[in-house]
N, C-alpha and C. Protein backbone atom coordinates (compact mmCIF):
# COMPACT_ATOMS: atom_id res chain seq x y z
N MET A 1 1.30 10.61 17.48
CA MET A 1 1.58 9.58 16.47
C MET A 1 2.39 9.88 15.25
N THR A 2 2.83 9.37 14.61
CA THR A 2 4.01 9.92 13.42
C THR A 2 3.38 9.57 12.50
N GLN A 3 3.15 10.34 11.10
CA GLN A 3 2.26 10.34 10.29
C GLN A 3 3.74 10.25 8.96
N LEU A 4 3.06 9.30 8.04
CA LEU A 4 3.48 10.20 6.43
C LEU A 4 3.73 11.77 5.86
N THR A 5 4.75 11.99 5.23
CA THR A 5 4.14 13.44 4.82
C THR A 5 3.40 12.63 3.72
N LYS A 6 2.87 14.00 2.85
CA LYS A 6 2.41 13.76 1.97
C LYS A 6 3.61 13.60 0.44
N GLN A 7 4.87 13.87 0.18
CA GLN A 7 5.88 13.18 -0.36
C GLN A 7 6.18 11.80 0.19
N GLN A 8 5.90 11.61 0.92
CA GLN A 8 6.53 10.21 1.39
C GLN A 8 5.41 9.14 0.97
N ILE A 9 4.08 9.89 0.82
CA ILE A 9 2.81 8.91 0.58
C ILE A 9 2.33 8.97 -1.04
N GLY A 10 3.20 10.01 -1.62
CA GLY A 10 3.64 10.41 -2.84
C GLY A 10 4.70 9.33 -3.31
N ARG A 11 5.76 9.61 -2.99
CA ARG A 11 6.64 8.01 -3.27
C ARG A 11 6.29 6.76 -3.08
N GLN A 12 5.26 6.36 -1.99
CA GLN A 12 4.85 4.81 -2.07
C GLN A 12 4.07 4.87 -3.04
N ASP A 13 3.19 5.49 -3.29
CA ASP A 13 2.00 5.50 -4.61
C ASP A 13 2.59 5.19 -6.03
N PHE A 14 3.54 5.94 -6.09
CA PHE A 14 4.48 6.15 -7.32
C PHE A 14 4.79 4.21 -7.11
N VAL A 15 5.79 3.88 -6.35
CA VAL A 15 6.74 2.82 -6.35
C VAL A 15 5.32 1.61 -6.51
N ASP A 16 4.54 1.56 -5.94
CA ASP A 16 3.35 0.49 -5.94
C ASP A 16 2.79 0.66 -7.11
N ASN A 17 2.14 1.92 -8.14
CA ASN A 17 1.96 1.53 -9.11
C ASN A 17 2.47 1.48 -10.15
N GLN A 18 3.90 1.88 -10.33
CA GLN A 18 5.23 1.38 -11.21
C GLN A 18 5.10 -0.16 -11.21
N ILE A 19 5.04 -0.64 -10.24
CA ILE A 19 5.09 -2.33 -9.93
C ILE A 19 4.22 -2.88 -10.66
N PHE A 20 2.79 -2.20 -10.39
CA PHE A 20 1.53 -2.97 -10.75
C PHE A 20 1.38 -2.76 -12.66
N GLU A 21 2.24 -1.44 -12.96
CA GLU A 21 2.06 -1.29 -14.27
C GLU A 21 2.96 -2.48 -15.33
N LEU A 22 4.08 -2.63 -14.34
CA LEU A 22 4.80 -3.59 -14.69
C LEU A 22 4.72 -4.56 -14.77
N ILE A 23 4.05 -5.38 -13.72
CA ILE A 23 3.34 -6.95 -13.67
C ILE A 23 2.32 -6.72 -15.08
N ASN A 24 1.68 -5.93 -15.51
CA ASN A 24 0.54 -6.42 -16.32
C ASN A 24 1.33 -6.06 -17.33
N SER A 25 2.10 -5.37 -17.56
CA SER A 25 2.83 -4.64 -18.75
C SER A 25 3.39 -6.17 -19.68
N LEU A 26 3.97 -7.11 -18.62
CA LEU A 26 4.60 -8.05 -18.65
C LEU A 26 3.97 -9.54 -18.82
N VAL A 27 2.57 -9.53 -18.82
CA VAL A 27 1.31 -10.30 -19.06
C VAL A 27 0.81 -10.34 -19.90
N PRO A 28 0.34 -11.28 -21.04
CA PRO A 28 -0.60 -10.86 -22.05
C PRO A 28 -1.82 -10.01 -21.60
N PRO A 29 -1.88 -9.09 -22.30
CA PRO A 29 -3.78 -8.55 -22.09
C PRO A 29 -4.39 -8.80 -21.57
N SER A 30 -4.73 -10.53 -22.44
CA SER A 30 -6.08 -11.13 -21.67
C SER A 30 -5.67 -11.78 -20.49
N LYS A 31 -4.57 -11.72 -19.74
CA LYS A 31 -4.61 -12.29 -17.90
C LYS A 31 -3.87 -11.17 -17.28
N ARG A 32 -4.32 -9.72 -17.66
CA ARG A 32 -4.46 -8.97 -16.81
C ARG A 32 -4.97 -9.08 -15.20
N ILE A 33 -3.94 -8.52 -14.12
CA ILE A 33 -4.61 -9.38 -12.82
C ILE A 33 -4.85 -7.58 -12.09
N GLU A 34 -5.68 -8.12 -10.82
CA GLU A 34 -6.35 -6.46 -10.73
C GLU A 34 -5.49 -6.09 -9.33
N TRP A 35 -5.95 -5.37 -8.95
CA TRP A 35 -4.91 -4.78 -8.08
C TRP A 35 -4.75 -5.94 -6.96
N ASP A 36 -3.40 -6.11 -6.17
CA ASP A 36 -3.00 -7.04 -5.50
C ASP A 36 -1.85 -6.75 -4.40
N ILE A 37 -2.00 -5.91 -3.28
CA ILE A 37 -0.88 -5.50 -2.90
C ILE A 37 -0.35 -6.27 -2.27
N GLU A 38 -0.34 -7.41 -1.99
CA GLU A 38 0.70 -8.67 -1.39
C GLU A 38 1.44 -8.78 -2.80
N LEU A 39 1.28 -9.26 -3.91
CA LEU A 39 1.82 -9.25 -4.87
C LEU A 39 3.10 -8.29 -5.06
N ILE A 40 2.25 -7.27 -4.73
CA ILE A 40 2.90 -6.12 -5.62
C ILE A 40 4.00 -5.89 -4.15
N GLY A 41 3.77 -6.19 -2.79
CA GLY A 41 4.92 -5.96 -1.74
C GLY A 41 6.34 -6.54 -1.62
N ASN A 42 5.63 -7.84 -2.08
CA ASN A 42 6.75 -9.28 -2.48
C ASN A 42 7.59 -8.75 -3.27
N ILE A 43 7.01 -8.43 -4.79
CA ILE A 43 7.56 -7.72 -5.55
C ILE A 43 8.96 -6.42 -5.35
N ARG A 44 7.93 -5.62 -4.53
CA ARG A 44 8.88 -4.16 -4.52
C ARG A 44 9.91 -4.60 -2.88
N GLU A 45 9.80 -5.57 -2.14
CA GLU A 45 10.99 -6.31 -1.70
C GLU A 45 12.19 -6.75 -2.24
N SER A 46 11.78 -7.60 -3.73
CA SER A 46 12.48 -8.02 -3.93
C SER A 46 13.51 -7.24 -4.93
N PHE A 47 12.70 -6.05 -5.10
CA PHE A 47 13.28 -5.03 -5.98
C PHE A 47 13.94 -3.97 -5.06
N TYR A 48 13.85 -3.80 -4.02
CA TYR A 48 15.17 -3.16 -2.98
C TYR A 48 16.13 -3.98 -2.57
N LYS A 49 15.73 -5.43 -2.07
CA LYS A 49 17.41 -6.38 -2.76
C LYS A 49 18.16 -6.08 -3.32
N GLU A 50 17.57 -6.17 -4.41
CA GLU A 50 18.44 -6.55 -5.51
C GLU A 50 18.74 -4.46 -5.67
N ILE A 51 18.51 -3.54 -5.78
CA ILE A 51 18.62 -2.47 -5.90
C ILE A 51 19.36 -1.63 -4.93
N ARG A 52 19.58 -2.42 -3.58
CA ARG A 52 20.46 -1.94 -2.17
C ARG A 52 21.66 -2.80 -2.63
N LYS A 53 22.16 -3.98 -3.50
CA LYS A 53 23.51 -4.71 -3.64
C LYS A 53 23.65 -3.64 -4.95
N LYS A 54 23.17 -2.84 -5.83
CA LYS A 54 24.15 -2.41 -6.79
C LYS A 54 24.02 -0.80 -6.65
N ILE A 55 23.48 -0.59 -5.62
CA ILE A 55 23.17 0.74 -4.97
C ILE A 55 23.76 1.23 -3.59
N LYS A 56 24.99 0.91 -3.15
CA LYS A 56 25.44 0.80 -1.97
C LYS A 56 24.64 1.88 -1.12
N ASN A 57 24.46 2.23 0.39
CA ASN A 57 23.97 3.29 1.21
C ASN A 57 22.60 3.43 0.89
N THR A 58 21.72 2.97 0.11
CA THR A 58 20.41 2.95 -0.33
C THR A 58 19.74 2.85 0.58
N LYS A 59 19.40 3.20 1.59
CA LYS A 59 18.45 3.16 2.55
C LYS A 59 16.70 2.88 2.20
N GLU A 60 16.04 1.55 2.90
CA GLU A 60 15.09 1.37 2.70
C GLU A 60 13.83 2.84 2.73
N LYS A 61 14.04 3.54 3.82
CA LYS A 61 13.38 4.69 3.95
C LYS A 61 13.30 5.37 2.13
N GLN A 62 15.10 5.87 2.15
CA GLN A 62 14.95 6.54 0.42
C GLN A 62 13.95 5.45 -0.53
N PHE A 63 13.61 4.62 -1.14
CA PHE A 63 13.41 3.63 -1.78
C PHE A 63 12.08 3.71 -1.28
N TYR A 64 11.08 3.02 -0.57
CA TYR A 64 9.93 3.25 -0.04
C TYR A 64 9.61 3.72 1.20
N SER A 65 9.41 4.86 1.71
CA SER A 65 8.86 5.43 2.80
C SER A 65 7.58 4.81 3.47
N PHE A 66 8.15 4.43 5.08
CA PHE A 66 7.28 4.10 5.90
C PHE A 66 7.41 4.21 7.44
N ILE A 67 6.80 3.51 8.35
CA ILE A 67 6.41 4.03 9.48
C ILE A 67 7.15 2.49 10.33
N LYS A 68 7.77 2.80 11.10
CA LYS A 68 8.10 1.23 12.16
C LYS A 68 7.25 1.60 13.17
N ILE A 69 6.74 0.65 12.84
CA ILE A 69 5.20 0.10 14.80
C ILE A 69 5.87 -0.29 15.48
């Protein structure tokens, strides 16, 4: 079974945490959200689509490592 490396897991954590912090920096302090991986994933996918438009040849696995099942 293929597994992600520590570096790839670190990249996933970094991306997800940055998105979570961005969300909470944009909402009023009294409206902070709890961790919601579905919301984070939706935003992550949107970010990647926009990044791919601006930075040609950026592979999804470079942005956010994953294992295809």
